[in-house]
Amino acid sequence: MKVCNFCGNKNFREKHVQYIYRHNEQMLVVSNVPCEECEYCGEQYFKADILKKIEKDFTDIYVEGKKPEREVKVPIEEFAKI
């Protein structure tokens, strides 16, 4: 039986969420990613093959030059300066 690693709850629900993959200073936001979510604390669990697909897509975009579906501009601030 599956148990949440954080709270010990045994109840999960299947859900589709937004996943942010980061490597160094580069990011890829992926929408509609399937996961299992703990019904008590909200911790999300992703299957390895799903994470590997996201990592491959990141590499395809940043290394191979694949054009992403869309791009957004994100402002960044240092907390100490605000």
C-alpha atoms as a PDB file:
ATOM      1  CA  MET A   1       0.000   0.000   0.000  1.00  0.00           C
ATOM      2  CA  LYS A   2       1.201   3.465  -0.894  1.00  0.00           C
ATOM      3  CA  VAL A   3       1.820   5.937   1.942  1.00  0.00           C
ATOM      4  CA  CYS A   4       2.664   9.650   1.708  1.00  0.00           C
ATOM      5  CA  ASN A   5       6.310  10.201   2.609  1.00  0.00           C
ATOM      6  CA  PHE A   6       5.497  13.475   4.374  1.00  0.00           C
ATOM      7  CA  CYS A   7       2.326  12.917   6.380  1.00  0.00           C
ATOM      8  CA  GLY A   8       1.720   9.149   6.299  1.00  0.00           C
ATOM      9  CA  ASN A   9      -1.707   9.471   4.677  1.00  0.00           C
ATOM     10  CA  LYS A  10      -2.825   6.539   2.515  1.00  0.00           C
ATOM     11  CA  ASN A  11      -5.339   8.344   0.304  1.00  0.00           C
ATOM     12  CA  PHE A  12      -4.300   9.814  -3.025  1.00  0.00           C
ATOM     13  CA  ARG A  13      -6.131  11.343  -5.962  1.00  0.00           C
ATOM     14  CA  GLU A  14      -5.111  11.500  -9.597  1.00  0.00           C
ATOM     15  CA  LYS A  15      -4.679  15.058 -10.783  1.00  0.00           C
ATOM     16  CA  HIS A  16      -3.189  17.122 -13.619  1.00  0.00           C
ATOM     17  CA  VAL A  17      -0.948  19.983 -12.511  1.00  0.00           C
ATOM     18  CA  GLN A  18       1.587  22.537 -13.700  1.00  0.00           C
ATOM     19  CA  TYR A  19       5.181  21.330 -13.245  1.00  0.00           C
ATOM     20  CA  ILE A  20       8.232  23.604 -13.241  1.00  0.00           C
ATOM     21  CA  TYR A  21      11.492  21.956 -14.320  1.00  0.00           C
ATOM     22  CA  ARG A  22      14.641  23.949 -13.497  1.00  0.00           C
ATOM     23  CA  HIS A  23      18.236  23.314 -14.387  1.00  0.00           C
ATOM     24  CA  ASN A  24      20.866  25.955 -13.572  1.00  0.00           C
ATOM     25  CA  GLU A  25      19.220  29.276 -14.499  1.00  0.00           C
ATOM     26  CA  GLN A  26      16.874  27.797 -17.115  1.00  0.00           C
ATOM     27  CA  MET A  27      13.246  26.794 -16.580  1.00  0.00           C
ATOM     28  CA  LEU A  28      10.529  24.898 -18.400  1.00  0.00           C
ATOM     29  CA  VAL A  29       6.897  25.169 -17.297  1.00  0.00           C
ATOM     30  CA  VAL A  30       4.808  22.163 -18.348  1.00  0.00           C
ATOM     31  CA  SER A  31       1.023  22.266 -18.070  1.00  0.00           C
ATOM     32  CA  ASN A  32      -1.409  19.401 -17.560  1.00  0.00           C
ATOM     33  CA  VAL A  33       1.118  16.930 -16.090  1.00  0.00           C
ATOM     34  CA  PRO A  34      -0.456  13.816 -14.508  1.00  0.00           C
ATOM     35  CA  CYS A  35       0.424  13.046 -10.905  1.00  0.00           C
ATOM     36  CA  GLU A  36      -0.901  11.465  -7.746  1.00  0.00           C
ATOM     37  CA  GLU A  37      -1.568  13.929  -4.945  1.00  0.00           C
ATOM     38  CA  CYS A  38      -1.920  13.195  -1.234  1.00  0.00           C
ATOM     39  CA  GLU A  39      -5.468  14.071  -0.198  1.00  0.00           C
ATOM     40  CA  TYR A  40      -4.274  15.289   3.212  1.00  0.00           C
ATOM     41  CA  CYS A  41      -1.116  17.373   2.700  1.00  0.00           C
ATOM     42  CA  GLY A  42      -1.107  17.893  -1.091  1.00  0.00           C
ATOM     43  CA  GLU A  43       2.321  16.350  -1.729  1.00  0.00           C
ATOM     44  CA  GLN A  44       2.590  15.394  -5.402  1.00  0.00           C
ATOM     45  CA  TYR A  45       4.114  12.204  -6.819  1.00  0.00           C
ATOM     46  CA  PHE A  46       5.160  11.850 -10.464  1.00  0.00           C
ATOM     47  CA  LYS A  47       5.991   8.658 -12.334  1.00  0.00           C
ATOM     48  CA  ALA A  48       9.582   8.384 -13.536  1.00  0.00           C
ATOM     49  CA  ASP A  49       8.631   8.087 -17.219  1.00  0.00           C
ATOM     50  CA  ILE A  50       6.709  11.370 -17.007  1.00  0.00           C
ATOM     51  CA  LEU A  51       9.659  13.190 -15.437  1.00  0.00           C
ATOM     52  CA  LYS A  52      11.989  11.725 -18.073  1.00  0.00           C
ATOM     53  CA  LYS A  53       9.713  13.067 -20.849  1.00  0.00           C
ATOM     54  CA  ILE A  54       9.824  16.525 -19.264  1.00  0.00           C
ATOM     55  CA  GLU A  55      13.613  16.374 -18.951  1.00  0.00           C
ATOM     56  CA  LYS A  56      13.917  15.316 -22.606  1.00  0.00           C
ATOM     57  CA  ASP A  57      11.664  18.158 -23.720  1.00  0.00           C
ATOM     58  CA  PHE A  58      13.814  20.588 -21.697  1.00  0.00           C
ATOM     59  CA  THR A  59      16.932  19.270 -23.466  1.00  0.00           C
ATOM     60  CA  ASP A  60      15.210  19.429 -26.851  1.00  0.00           C
ATOM     61  CA  ILE A  61      14.364  23.087 -26.255  1.00  0.00           C
ATOM     62  CA  TYR A  62      17.579  24.347 -24.626  1.00  0.00           C
ATOM     63  CA  VAL A  63      20.153  22.133 -26.382  1.00  0.00           C
ATOM     64  CA  GLU A  64      18.580  21.010 -29.651  1.00  0.00           C
ATOM     65  CA  GLY A  65      16.760  24.272 -30.429  1.00  0.00           C
ATOM     66  CA  LYS A  66      13.188  22.952 -30.444  1.00  0.00           C
ATOM     67  CA  LYS A  67      10.647  25.785 -30.463  1.00  0.00           C
ATOM     68  CA  PRO A  68       8.387  25.645 -27.387  1.00  0.00           C
ATOM     69  CA  GLU A  69       4.614  25.941 -27.666  1.00  0.00           C
ATOM     70  CA  ARG A  70       4.831  29.444 -26.171  1.00  0.00           C
ATOM     71  CA  GLU A  71       7.137  31.629 -24.088  1.00  0.00           C
ATOM     72  CA  VAL A  72       6.510  34.096 -21.265  1.00  0.00           C
ATOM     73  CA  LYS A  73       8.632  36.886 -19.816  1.00  0.00           C
ATOM     74  CA  VAL A  74       9.172  36.536 -16.035  1.00  0.00           C
ATOM     75  CA  PRO A  75      10.463  39.375 -13.855  1.00  0.00           C
ATOM     76  CA  ILE A  76      13.010  38.356 -11.194  1.00  0.00           C
ATOM     77  CA  GLU A  77      13.894  40.235  -7.995  1.00  0.00           C
ATOM     78  CA  GLU A  78      16.380  39.662  -5.155  1.00  0.00           C
ATOM     79  CA  PHE A  79      14.455  39.672  -1.875  1.00  0.00           C
ATOM     80  CA  ALA A  80      17.132  41.748  -0.099  1.00  0.00           C
ATOM     81  CA  LYS A  81      16.694  44.521  -2.673  1.00  0.00           C
ATOM     82  CA  ILE A  82      12.914  44.904  -2.402  1.00  0.00           C
END
